[in-house]
Amino acid sequence: MLALKGTIIAFATSPGQIAKEKDCHGIFTSALLKYIGTAKITIEEMLKRVRNTVYLETKGKQITWEHTSLMGNFRFNEGIIEKGIYPYTELALADKDYEVEKAGLCKELIELVVTHDWNYQNDNPGLLNKSQLKNEASDDLFVQGINIYQSSGCSN
């Protein structure tokens, strides 16, 4: 399986193995659920803990496997953005339920991105015109930028 740049694909087993079941979940899923909430752990460390747990619970008969092309570090629950560090409001930083400050190009573009419809999202970057954006609110520009990044499939 191809992992595009910046992705990681985790499998319950190594190639050719069969995943073992236990209770309502597979052993892999149970181990994943056990460790995924661990704060400040790298994804690689979390998957090693999962692998060790699966290995022990299956008495060595199942070993998890990953295919990765990660380019940077990713940590689960690394931390909350501290107030005062960035010049944006808490709502803009959270992005969730953000309402655009004023009508304009950012409002239109953000509405396109949050449709969750790739056919609309795909045109979004091409609609940007730097000269039109100079009068937009900084929070609107920030939310527009992170939404384009997230919808591009390049975020990780």
C-alpha atoms as a PDB file:
ATOM      1  CA  MET A   1       0.000   0.000   0.000  1.00  0.00           C
ATOM      2  CA  LEU A   2       1.294   3.451  -0.892  1.00  0.00           C
ATOM      3  CA  ALA A   3       1.594   5.993   1.918  1.00  0.00           C
ATOM      4  CA  LEU A   4       1.675   9.483   0.457  1.00  0.00           C
ATOM      5  CA  LYS A   5       4.203  11.943   1.858  1.00  0.00           C
ATOM      6  CA  GLY A   6       3.419  12.738   5.470  1.00  0.00           C
ATOM      7  CA  THR A   7       1.176   9.752   6.205  1.00  0.00           C
ATOM      8  CA  ILE A   8       1.275   6.655   8.331  1.00  0.00           C
ATOM      9  CA  ILE A   9      -0.864   3.582   7.781  1.00  0.00           C
ATOM     10  CA  ALA A  10      -1.134   1.168  10.707  1.00  0.00           C
ATOM     11  CA  PHE A  11      -2.147  -2.452  10.246  1.00  0.00           C
ATOM     12  CA  ALA A  12      -3.307  -4.923  12.878  1.00  0.00           C
ATOM     13  CA  THR A  13      -0.886  -7.517  11.523  1.00  0.00           C
ATOM     14  CA  SER A  14       2.241  -7.919   9.493  1.00  0.00           C
ATOM     15  CA  PRO A  15       1.682  -9.090   5.903  1.00  0.00           C
ATOM     16  CA  GLY A  16       0.369 -12.643   5.732  1.00  0.00           C
ATOM     17  CA  GLN A  17      -0.818 -12.796   9.349  1.00  0.00           C
ATOM     18  CA  ILE A  18      -4.372 -13.084  10.655  1.00  0.00           C
ATOM     19  CA  ALA A  19      -5.702 -10.580  13.201  1.00  0.00           C
ATOM     20  CA  LYS A  20      -6.834 -12.113  16.487  1.00  0.00           C
ATOM     21  CA  GLU A  21     -10.132 -11.116  18.086  1.00  0.00           C
ATOM     22  CA  LYS A  22     -10.905 -10.609  21.764  1.00  0.00           C
ATOM     23  CA  ASP A  23     -14.216  -9.529  23.273  1.00  0.00           C
ATOM     24  CA  CYS A  24     -15.889  -6.857  21.080  1.00  0.00           C
ATOM     25  CA  HIS A  25     -12.728  -5.654  19.334  1.00  0.00           C
ATOM     26  CA  GLY A  26      -9.703  -7.045  17.672  1.00  0.00           C
ATOM     27  CA  ILE A  27      -6.690  -7.150  19.941  1.00  0.00           C
ATOM     28  CA  PHE A  28      -5.068  -4.408  17.820  1.00  0.00           C
ATOM     29  CA  THR A  29      -8.084  -2.096  18.205  1.00  0.00           C
ATOM     30  CA  SER A  30      -8.202  -2.664  21.958  1.00  0.00           C
ATOM     31  CA  ALA A  31      -4.494  -1.841  22.282  1.00  0.00           C
ATOM     32  CA  LEU A  32      -4.878   1.211  20.047  1.00  0.00           C
ATOM     33  CA  LEU A  33      -7.743   2.497  22.184  1.00  0.00           C
ATOM     34  CA  LYS A  34      -5.640   1.927  25.294  1.00  0.00           C
ATOM     35  CA  TYR A  35      -2.773   4.163  24.137  1.00  0.00           C
ATOM     36  CA  ILE A  36      -4.187   6.703  21.693  1.00  0.00           C
ATOM     37  CA  GLY A  37      -5.205   9.111  24.467  1.00  0.00           C
ATOM     38  CA  THR A  38      -1.723   9.242  25.987  1.00  0.00           C
ATOM     39  CA  ALA A  39      -0.608  12.860  26.121  1.00  0.00           C
ATOM     40  CA  LYS A  40       2.535  14.032  24.334  1.00  0.00           C
ATOM     41  CA  ILE A  41       3.422  10.628  22.940  1.00  0.00           C
ATOM     42  CA  THR A  42       4.732  10.414  19.399  1.00  0.00           C
ATOM     43  CA  ILE A  43       2.720   8.363  16.966  1.00  0.00           C
ATOM     44  CA  GLU A  44       5.679   6.029  16.535  1.00  0.00           C
ATOM     45  CA  GLU A  45       5.990   5.457  20.293  1.00  0.00           C
ATOM     46  CA  MET A  46       2.243   4.896  20.600  1.00  0.00           C
ATOM     47  CA  LEU A  47       2.322   2.290  17.821  1.00  0.00           C
ATOM     48  CA  LYS A  48       5.303   0.543  19.472  1.00  0.00           C
ATOM     49  CA  ARG A  49       3.294   0.273  22.693  1.00  0.00           C
ATOM     50  CA  VAL A  50       0.377  -1.113  20.686  1.00  0.00           C
ATOM     51  CA  ARG A  51       2.718  -3.603  18.979  1.00  0.00           C
ATOM     52  CA  ASN A  52       4.174  -4.793  22.279  1.00  0.00           C
ATOM     53  CA  THR A  53       0.713  -5.207  23.806  1.00  0.00           C
ATOM     54  CA  VAL A  54      -0.591  -7.133  20.796  1.00  0.00           C
ATOM     55  CA  TYR A  55       2.524  -9.315  20.761  1.00  0.00           C
ATOM     56  CA  LEU A  56       2.154 -10.165  24.442  1.00  0.00           C
ATOM     57  CA  GLU A  57      -1.603 -10.774  24.293  1.00  0.00           C
ATOM     58  CA  THR A  58      -1.259 -13.110  21.303  1.00  0.00           C
ATOM     59  CA  LYS A  59       1.790 -14.867  22.751  1.00  0.00           C
ATOM     60  CA  GLY A  60       3.883 -13.690  19.804  1.00  0.00           C
ATOM     61  CA  LYS A  61       1.461 -14.829  17.088  1.00  0.00           C
ATOM     62  CA  GLN A  62       0.498 -11.345  15.908  1.00  0.00           C
ATOM     63  CA  ILE A  63       2.802  -8.441  15.219  1.00  0.00           C
ATOM     64  CA  THR A  64       1.422  -5.103  14.090  1.00  0.00           C
ATOM     65  CA  TRP A  65       2.892  -3.303  11.122  1.00  0.00           C
ATOM     66  CA  GLU A  66       3.063   0.238   9.736  1.00  0.00           C
ATOM     67  CA  HIS A  67       3.768   1.767   6.366  1.00  0.00           C
ATOM     68  CA  THR A  68       4.984   5.313   6.796  1.00  0.00           C
ATOM     69  CA  SER A  69       6.305   8.293   4.958  1.00  0.00           C
ATOM     70  CA  LEU A  70       6.130  10.735   7.848  1.00  0.00           C
ATOM     71  CA  MET A  71       8.272  13.787   7.301  1.00  0.00           C
ATOM     72  CA  GLY A  72       7.918  15.395  10.700  1.00  0.00           C
ATOM     73  CA  ASN A  73       6.987  14.677  14.268  1.00  0.00           C
ATOM     74  CA  PHE A  74       3.423  14.119  15.373  1.00  0.00           C
ATOM     75  CA  ARG A  75       2.454  13.883  19.015  1.00  0.00           C
ATOM     76  CA  PHE A  76      -0.977  13.085  20.364  1.00  0.00           C
ATOM     77  CA  ASN A  77      -2.504  15.669  22.710  1.00  0.00           C
ATOM     78  CA  GLU A  78       0.676  17.707  22.566  1.00  0.00           C
ATOM     79  CA  GLY A  79      -0.886  20.687  24.201  1.00  0.00           C
ATOM     80  CA  ILE A  80      -3.318  23.504  24.009  1.00  0.00           C
ATOM     81  CA  ILE A  81      -2.430  26.677  22.162  1.00  0.00           C
ATOM     82  CA  GLU A  82      -1.556  29.198  24.829  1.00  0.00           C
ATOM     83  CA  LYS A  83      -3.465  32.446  24.976  1.00  0.00           C
ATOM     84  CA  GLY A  84      -1.568  35.523  23.963  1.00  0.00           C
ATOM     85  CA  ILE A  85       1.010  33.804  21.764  1.00  0.00           C
ATOM     86  CA  TYR A  86      -0.905  34.282  18.508  1.00  0.00           C
ATOM     87  CA  PRO A  87      -2.693  37.435  17.342  1.00  0.00           C
ATOM     88  CA  TYR A  88      -5.961  35.545  16.689  1.00  0.00           C
ATOM     89  CA  THR A  89      -9.063  35.047  18.811  1.00  0.00           C
ATOM     90  CA  GLU A  90      -9.736  31.742  20.579  1.00  0.00           C
ATOM     91  CA  LEU A  91     -12.579  31.014  18.149  1.00  0.00           C
ATOM     92  CA  ALA A  92     -10.297  31.455  15.153  1.00  0.00           C
ATOM     93  CA  LEU A  93      -7.643  29.204  16.699  1.00  0.00           C
ATOM     94  CA  ALA A  94     -10.240  26.548  17.514  1.00  0.00           C
ATOM     95  CA  ASP A  95     -11.722  26.887  13.985  1.00  0.00           C
ATOM     96  CA  LYS A  96     -14.766  24.887  15.087  1.00  0.00           C
ATOM     97  CA  ASP A  97     -17.971  26.900  14.771  1.00  0.00           C
ATOM     98  CA  TYR A  98     -16.012  29.962  13.684  1.00  0.00           C
ATOM     99  CA  GLU A  99     -18.169  32.668  12.164  1.00  0.00           C
ATOM    100  CA  VAL A 100     -16.530  34.994   9.660  1.00  0.00           C
ATOM    101  CA  GLU A 101     -16.123  38.523  11.005  1.00  0.00           C
ATOM    102  CA  LYS A 102     -17.238  40.366   7.894  1.00  0.00           C
ATOM    103  CA  ALA A 103     -18.633  39.695   4.452  1.00  0.00           C
ATOM    104  CA  GLY A 104     -16.015  39.379   1.765  1.00  0.00           C
ATOM    105  CA  LEU A 105     -13.886  36.918  -0.151  1.00  0.00           C
ATOM    106  CA  CYS A 106     -12.832  35.010   2.983  1.00  0.00           C
ATOM    107  CA  LYS A 107     -16.468  34.432   3.943  1.00  0.00           C
ATOM    108  CA  GLU A 108     -17.235  32.967   0.528  1.00  0.00           C
ATOM    109  CA  LEU A 109     -14.118  30.817   0.464  1.00  0.00           C
ATOM    110  CA  ILE A 110     -14.503  29.516   4.020  1.00  0.00           C
ATOM    111  CA  GLU A 111     -18.084  28.531   3.214  1.00  0.00           C
ATOM    112  CA  LEU A 112     -16.796  26.567   0.218  1.00  0.00           C
ATOM    113  CA  VAL A 113     -14.160  24.748   2.259  1.00  0.00           C
ATOM    114  CA  VAL A 114     -16.421  23.756   5.138  1.00  0.00           C
ATOM    115  CA  THR A 115     -18.877  22.061   2.770  1.00  0.00           C
ATOM    116  CA  HIS A 116     -16.803  18.859   3.087  1.00  0.00           C
ATOM    117  CA  ASP A 117     -17.360  18.488  -0.654  1.00  0.00           C
ATOM    118  CA  TRP A 118     -14.080  18.065  -2.500  1.00  0.00           C
ATOM    119  CA  ASN A 119     -15.569  19.408  -5.741  1.00  0.00           C
ATOM    120  CA  TYR A 120     -16.124  22.771  -4.051  1.00  0.00           C
ATOM    121  CA  GLN A 121     -12.999  22.683  -1.897  1.00  0.00           C
ATOM    122  CA  ASN A 122     -10.723  21.904  -4.813  1.00  0.00           C
ATOM    123  CA  ASP A 123     -11.346  25.259  -6.524  1.00  0.00           C
ATOM    124  CA  ASN A 124     -10.780  27.246  -3.354  1.00  0.00           C
ATOM    125  CA  PRO A 125      -7.032  28.049  -3.665  1.00  0.00           C
ATOM    126  CA  GLY A 126      -7.508  29.132  -7.271  1.00  0.00           C
ATOM    127  CA  LEU A 127     -10.086  31.695  -6.195  1.00  0.00           C
ATOM    128  CA  LEU A 128      -7.646  33.493  -3.940  1.00  0.00           C
ATOM    129  CA  ASN A 129      -6.456  36.857  -5.102  1.00  0.00           C
ATOM    130  CA  LYS A 130      -3.899  38.492  -2.850  1.00  0.00           C
ATOM    131  CA  SER A 131      -5.047  42.014  -3.689  1.00  0.00           C
ATOM    132  CA  GLN A 132      -8.624  41.138  -2.710  1.00  0.00           C
ATOM    133  CA  LEU A 133      -7.517  39.689   0.620  1.00  0.00           C
ATOM    134  CA  LYS A 134      -5.698  42.756   1.945  1.00  0.00           C
ATOM    135  CA  ASN A 135      -8.902  44.151   3.493  1.00  0.00           C
ATOM    136  CA  GLU A 136      -9.975  40.924   5.181  1.00  0.00           C
ATOM    137  CA  ALA A 137      -9.948  40.462   8.964  1.00  0.00           C
ATOM    138  CA  SER A 138      -6.868  38.647  10.285  1.00  0.00           C
ATOM    139  CA  ASP A 139      -8.976  35.946  12.011  1.00  0.00           C
ATOM    140  CA  ASP A 140     -10.854  35.339   8.747  1.00  0.00           C
ATOM    141  CA  LEU A 141      -7.586  34.995   6.829  1.00  0.00           C
ATOM    142  CA  PHE A 142      -6.208  32.613   9.454  1.00  0.00           C
ATOM    143  CA  VAL A 143      -9.299  30.372   9.391  1.00  0.00           C
ATOM    144  CA  GLN A 144      -9.322  30.479   5.577  1.00  0.00           C
ATOM    145  CA  GLY A 145      -5.700  29.361   5.494  1.00  0.00           C
ATOM    146  CA  ILE A 146      -6.064  26.461   7.908  1.00  0.00           C
ATOM    147  CA  ASN A 147      -9.197  25.272   6.123  1.00  0.00           C
ATOM    148  CA  ILE A 148      -7.434  25.243   2.773  1.00  0.00           C
ATOM    149  CA  TYR A 149      -4.534  23.363   4.362  1.00  0.00           C
ATOM    150  CA  GLN A 150      -6.814  20.813   6.019  1.00  0.00           C
ATOM    151  CA  SER A 151      -8.909  20.224   2.909  1.00  0.00           C
ATOM    152  CA  SER A 152      -5.813  19.829   0.736  1.00  0.00           C
ATOM    153  CA  GLY A 153      -5.031  16.447   2.224  1.00  0.00           C
ATOM    154  CA  CYS A 154      -1.536  17.687   3.092  1.00  0.00           C
ATOM    155  CA  SER A 155      -2.115  18.241   6.785  1.00  0.00           C
ATOM    156  CA  ASN A 156      -0.850  15.668   9.229  1.00  0.00           C
END
